[in-house]
């Protein structure tokens, strides 16, 4: 159980850092307007990871969309693995 939570927390930290760095260096102006701080990247990561999707922050550039898709696939794989593990 602790190991599973560790996977989830590590993925949150990993994707938050990834979003922050990508937006800072190669993100579009709209992405930069949405994610200005690490806290904004963390917020976007948590909302995306738990598939709430409020819509207040959305990816505008191709790279942000691709990372978002990667995050959704990765996290869902973790969840399916955790749920199917017996």
N, C-alpha and C. Protein backbone atom coordinates (compact mmCIF):
# COMPACT_ATOMS: atom_id res chain seq x y z
N UNK A 1 0.82 -1.20 0.00
CA UNK A 1 0.00 0.00 0.00
C UNK A 1 0.86 1.26 0.00
N UNK A 2 1.87 1.30 0.85
CA UNK A 2 2.77 2.46 0.92
C UNK A 2 3.52 2.62 -0.40
N UNK A 3 3.91 1.51 -0.98
CA UNK A 3 4.64 1.54 -2.25
C UNK A 3 3.76 2.15 -3.34
N UNK A 4 2.48 1.81 -3.35
CA UNK A 4 1.56 2.36 -4.34
C UNK A 4 1.38 3.86 -4.17
N UNK A 5 1.26 4.31 -2.94
CA UNK A 5 1.14 5.75 -2.69
C UNK A 5 2.41 6.49 -3.09
N UNK A 6 3.54 5.83 -2.89
CA UNK A 6 4.81 6.42 -3.28
C UNK A 6 4.86 6.64 -4.80
N UNK A 7 4.36 5.68 -5.58
CA UNK A 7 4.29 5.84 -7.03
C UNK A 7 3.45 7.06 -7.41
N UNK A 8 2.32 7.20 -6.75
CA UNK A 8 1.42 8.32 -7.05
C UNK A 8 2.09 9.64 -6.70
N UNK A 9 2.68 9.74 -5.51
CA UNK A 9 3.33 10.98 -5.10
C UNK A 9 4.53 11.31 -5.98
N UNK A 10 5.30 10.32 -6.33
CA UNK A 10 6.46 10.54 -7.21
C UNK A 10 6.01 11.02 -8.59
N UNK A 11 4.92 10.48 -9.09
CA UNK A 11 4.44 10.91 -10.40
C UNK A 11 3.92 12.35 -10.32
N UNK A 12 3.32 12.74 -9.22
CA UNK A 12 2.86 14.13 -9.05
C UNK A 12 4.06 15.07 -9.09
N UNK A 13 5.08 14.75 -8.33
CA UNK A 13 6.27 15.61 -8.28
C UNK A 13 6.95 15.65 -9.64
N UNK A 14 7.11 14.48 -10.26
CA UNK A 14 7.78 14.41 -11.56
C UNK A 14 7.07 15.28 -12.60
N UNK A 15 5.76 15.10 -12.74
CA UNK A 15 5.03 15.83 -13.77
C UNK A 15 4.92 17.32 -13.45
N UNK A 16 4.83 17.69 -12.19
CA UNK A 16 4.79 19.11 -11.83
C UNK A 16 6.09 19.80 -12.23
N UNK A 17 7.21 19.15 -11.94
CA UNK A 17 8.51 19.71 -12.34
C UNK A 17 8.62 19.76 -13.86
N UNK A 18 8.19 18.70 -14.52
CA UNK A 18 8.25 18.64 -15.98
C UNK A 18 7.41 19.75 -16.60
N UNK A 19 6.19 19.94 -16.13
CA UNK A 19 5.33 21.01 -16.66
C UNK A 19 5.97 22.38 -16.44
N UNK A 20 6.49 22.60 -15.25
CA UNK A 20 7.08 23.90 -14.93
C UNK A 20 8.26 24.21 -15.85
N UNK A 21 9.13 23.24 -16.03
CA UNK A 21 10.33 23.43 -16.86
C UNK A 21 9.94 23.61 -18.34
N UNK A 22 9.04 22.78 -18.82
CA UNK A 22 8.63 22.88 -20.22
C UNK A 22 7.97 24.21 -20.50
N UNK A 23 7.07 24.64 -19.63
CA UNK A 23 6.40 25.92 -19.85
C UNK A 23 7.40 27.06 -19.79
N UNK A 24 8.32 26.99 -18.87
CA UNK A 24 9.30 28.07 -18.70
C UNK A 24 10.20 28.23 -19.92
N UNK A 25 10.61 27.11 -20.53
CA UNK A 25 11.60 27.18 -21.60
C UNK A 25 11.03 27.04 -23.01
N UNK A 26 9.99 26.26 -23.21
CA UNK A 26 9.49 26.05 -24.57
C UNK A 26 7.98 26.19 -24.70
N UNK A 27 7.30 26.55 -23.65
CA UNK A 27 5.85 26.67 -23.69
C UNK A 27 5.40 27.89 -24.48
N UNK A 28 4.18 27.83 -24.95
CA UNK A 28 3.61 28.97 -25.68
C UNK A 28 3.30 30.09 -24.68
N UNK A 29 3.00 31.24 -25.23
CA UNK A 29 2.67 32.39 -24.36
C UNK A 29 1.40 32.12 -23.55
N UNK A 30 0.45 31.41 -24.14
CA UNK A 30 -0.77 31.07 -23.40
C UNK A 30 -0.47 30.11 -22.26
N UNK A 31 0.43 29.14 -22.52
CA UNK A 31 0.83 28.22 -21.45
C UNK A 31 1.55 28.97 -20.33
N UNK A 32 2.41 29.91 -20.71
CA UNK A 32 3.13 30.70 -19.72
C UNK A 32 2.18 31.56 -18.89
N UNK A 33 1.11 32.02 -19.50
CA UNK A 33 0.12 32.81 -18.77
C UNK A 33 -0.64 31.94 -17.77
N UNK A 34 -0.84 30.66 -18.09
CA UNK A 34 -1.56 29.75 -17.20
C UNK A 34 -0.69 29.23 -16.07
N UNK A 35 0.53 28.84 -16.38
CA UNK A 35 1.42 28.23 -15.38
C UNK A 35 2.61 29.17 -15.20
N UNK A 36 2.51 30.02 -14.19
CA UNK A 36 3.56 31.01 -13.93
C UNK A 36 4.51 30.56 -12.83
N UNK A 37 4.03 29.72 -11.92
CA UNK A 37 4.82 29.31 -10.77
C UNK A 37 4.81 27.79 -10.65
N UNK A 38 5.67 27.29 -9.77
CA UNK A 38 5.67 25.85 -9.50
C UNK A 38 4.34 25.43 -8.90
N UNK A 39 3.76 26.29 -8.08
CA UNK A 39 2.45 25.98 -7.49
C UNK A 39 1.38 25.80 -8.58
N UNK A 40 1.44 26.62 -9.61
CA UNK A 40 0.52 26.49 -10.74
C UNK A 40 0.72 25.18 -11.47
N UNK A 41 1.98 24.78 -11.63
CA UNK A 41 2.28 23.49 -12.27
C UNK A 41 1.81 22.33 -11.41
N UNK A 42 1.97 22.45 -10.11
CA UNK A 42 1.51 21.42 -9.19
C UNK A 42 -0.01 21.31 -9.22
N UNK A 43 -0.69 22.44 -9.24
CA UNK A 43 -2.15 22.45 -9.32
C UNK A 43 -2.61 21.76 -10.61
N UNK A 44 -2.01 22.14 -11.73
CA UNK A 44 -2.37 21.54 -13.02
C UNK A 44 -2.12 20.03 -13.00
N UNK A 45 -1.01 19.62 -12.41
CA UNK A 45 -0.67 18.20 -12.33
C UNK A 45 -1.70 17.42 -11.53
N UNK A 46 -2.06 17.93 -10.37
CA UNK A 46 -3.02 17.23 -9.51
C UNK A 46 -4.39 17.16 -10.18
N UNK A 47 -4.83 18.25 -10.79
CA UNK A 47 -6.13 18.25 -11.46
C UNK A 47 -6.12 17.27 -12.63
N UNK A 48 -5.04 17.23 -13.38
CA UNK A 48 -4.93 16.30 -14.50
C UNK A 48 -4.82 14.87 -14.01
N UNK A 49 -3.99 14.64 -13.02
CA UNK A 49 -3.72 13.29 -12.55
C UNK A 49 -4.97 12.62 -11.98
N UNK A 50 -5.80 13.37 -11.34
CA UNK A 50 -7.00 12.79 -10.75
C UNK A 50 -8.23 13.04 -11.63
N UNK A 51 -7.99 13.36 -12.88
CA UNK A 51 -8.98 13.52 -13.95
C UNK A 51 -10.17 14.38 -13.57
N UNK A 52 -9.93 15.41 -12.79
CA UNK A 52 -11.00 16.33 -12.44
C UNK A 52 -11.22 17.29 -13.61
N UNK A 53 -10.15 17.85 -14.13
CA UNK A 53 -10.20 18.70 -15.30
C UNK A 53 -11.13 19.89 -15.19
N UNK A 54 -10.83 20.83 -14.32
CA UNK A 54 -11.68 22.00 -14.12
C UNK A 54 -11.80 22.87 -15.37
N UNK A 55 -10.78 22.90 -16.19
CA UNK A 55 -10.82 23.70 -17.41
C UNK A 55 -10.27 25.10 -17.24
N UNK A 56 -9.84 25.46 -16.03
CA UNK A 56 -9.29 26.80 -15.84
C UNK A 56 -7.87 26.90 -16.38
N UNK A 57 -7.14 25.80 -16.40
CA UNK A 57 -5.82 25.74 -17.01
C UNK A 57 -5.87 24.61 -18.03
N UNK A 58 -5.58 24.94 -19.27
CA UNK A 58 -5.59 23.93 -20.33
C UNK A 58 -4.29 24.04 -21.13
N UNK A 59 -3.82 22.92 -21.68
CA UNK A 59 -2.60 22.99 -22.49
C UNK A 59 -2.90 23.62 -23.85
N UNK A 60 -2.05 24.54 -24.28
CA UNK A 60 -2.25 25.21 -25.56
C UNK A 60 -1.24 24.75 -26.61
N UNK A 61 -0.03 24.45 -26.20
CA UNK A 61 0.99 24.05 -27.16
C UNK A 61 0.98 22.53 -27.36
N UNK A 62 1.57 22.10 -28.46
CA UNK A 62 1.63 20.67 -28.76
C UNK A 62 2.39 19.90 -27.69
N UNK A 63 3.49 20.46 -27.23
CA UNK A 63 4.30 19.73 -26.24
C UNK A 63 3.54 19.59 -24.92
N UNK A 64 2.80 20.61 -24.54
CA UNK A 64 2.02 20.51 -23.29
C UNK A 64 0.90 19.48 -23.44
N UNK A 65 0.27 19.42 -24.59
CA UNK A 65 -0.76 18.42 -24.83
C UNK A 65 -0.18 17.02 -24.79
N UNK A 66 1.00 16.85 -25.37
CA UNK A 66 1.63 15.53 -25.39
C UNK A 66 2.03 15.08 -24.00
N UNK A 67 2.57 16.00 -23.20
CA UNK A 67 2.94 15.64 -21.83
C UNK A 67 1.69 15.31 -21.02
N UNK A 68 0.63 16.06 -21.23
CA UNK A 68 -0.63 15.79 -20.52
C UNK A 68 -1.16 14.40 -20.88
N UNK A 69 -1.11 14.06 -22.15
CA UNK A 69 -1.55 12.72 -22.57
C UNK A 69 -0.67 11.64 -21.95
N UNK A 70 0.64 11.89 -21.92
CA UNK A 70 1.57 10.94 -21.30
C UNK A 70 1.26 10.76 -19.82
N UNK A 71 0.98 11.86 -19.14
CA UNK A 71 0.65 11.78 -17.72
C UNK A 71 -0.61 10.96 -17.50
N UNK A 72 -1.64 11.22 -18.27
CA UNK A 72 -2.90 10.50 -18.11
C UNK A 72 -2.69 9.01 -18.34
N UNK A 73 -1.97 8.65 -19.39
CA UNK A 73 -1.71 7.23 -19.67
C UNK A 73 -0.87 6.58 -18.57
N UNK A 74 0.15 7.30 -18.11
CA UNK A 74 1.03 6.75 -17.07
C UNK A 74 0.27 6.53 -15.77
N UNK A 75 -0.46 7.52 -15.34
CA UNK A 75 -1.18 7.42 -14.07
C UNK A 75 -2.28 6.37 -14.14
N UNK A 76 -2.99 6.32 -15.25
CA UNK A 76 -4.02 5.28 -15.39
C UNK A 76 -3.40 3.89 -15.38
N UNK A 77 -2.22 3.75 -15.95
CA UNK A 77 -1.52 2.46 -15.89
C UNK A 77 -1.19 2.09 -14.46
N UNK A 78 -0.73 3.06 -13.67
CA UNK A 78 -0.47 2.81 -12.24
C UNK A 78 -1.74 2.35 -11.54
N UNK A 79 -2.81 3.06 -11.80
CA UNK A 79 -4.08 2.74 -11.13
C UNK A 79 -4.56 1.36 -11.52
N UNK A 80 -4.53 1.03 -12.80
CA UNK A 80 -4.95 -0.30 -13.24
C UNK A 80 -4.06 -1.39 -12.64
N UNK A 81 -2.77 -1.11 -12.58
CA UNK A 81 -1.85 -2.09 -11.97
C UNK A 81 -2.16 -2.29 -10.49
N UNK A 82 -2.40 -1.20 -9.79
CA UNK A 82 -2.70 -1.28 -8.37
C UNK A 82 -4.01 -2.04 -8.12
N UNK A 83 -5.03 -1.74 -8.92
CA UNK A 83 -6.32 -2.37 -8.72
C UNK A 83 -6.33 -3.85 -9.10
N UNK A 84 -5.52 -4.22 -10.07
CA UNK A 84 -5.49 -5.61 -10.52
C UNK A 84 -4.48 -6.47 -9.78
N UNK A 85 -3.70 -5.86 -8.92
CA UNK A 85 -2.70 -6.58 -8.16
C UNK A 85 -3.37 -7.33 -7.02
N UNK A 86 -3.08 -8.61 -6.93
CA UNK A 86 -3.69 -9.42 -5.87
C UNK A 86 -2.65 -10.18 -5.10
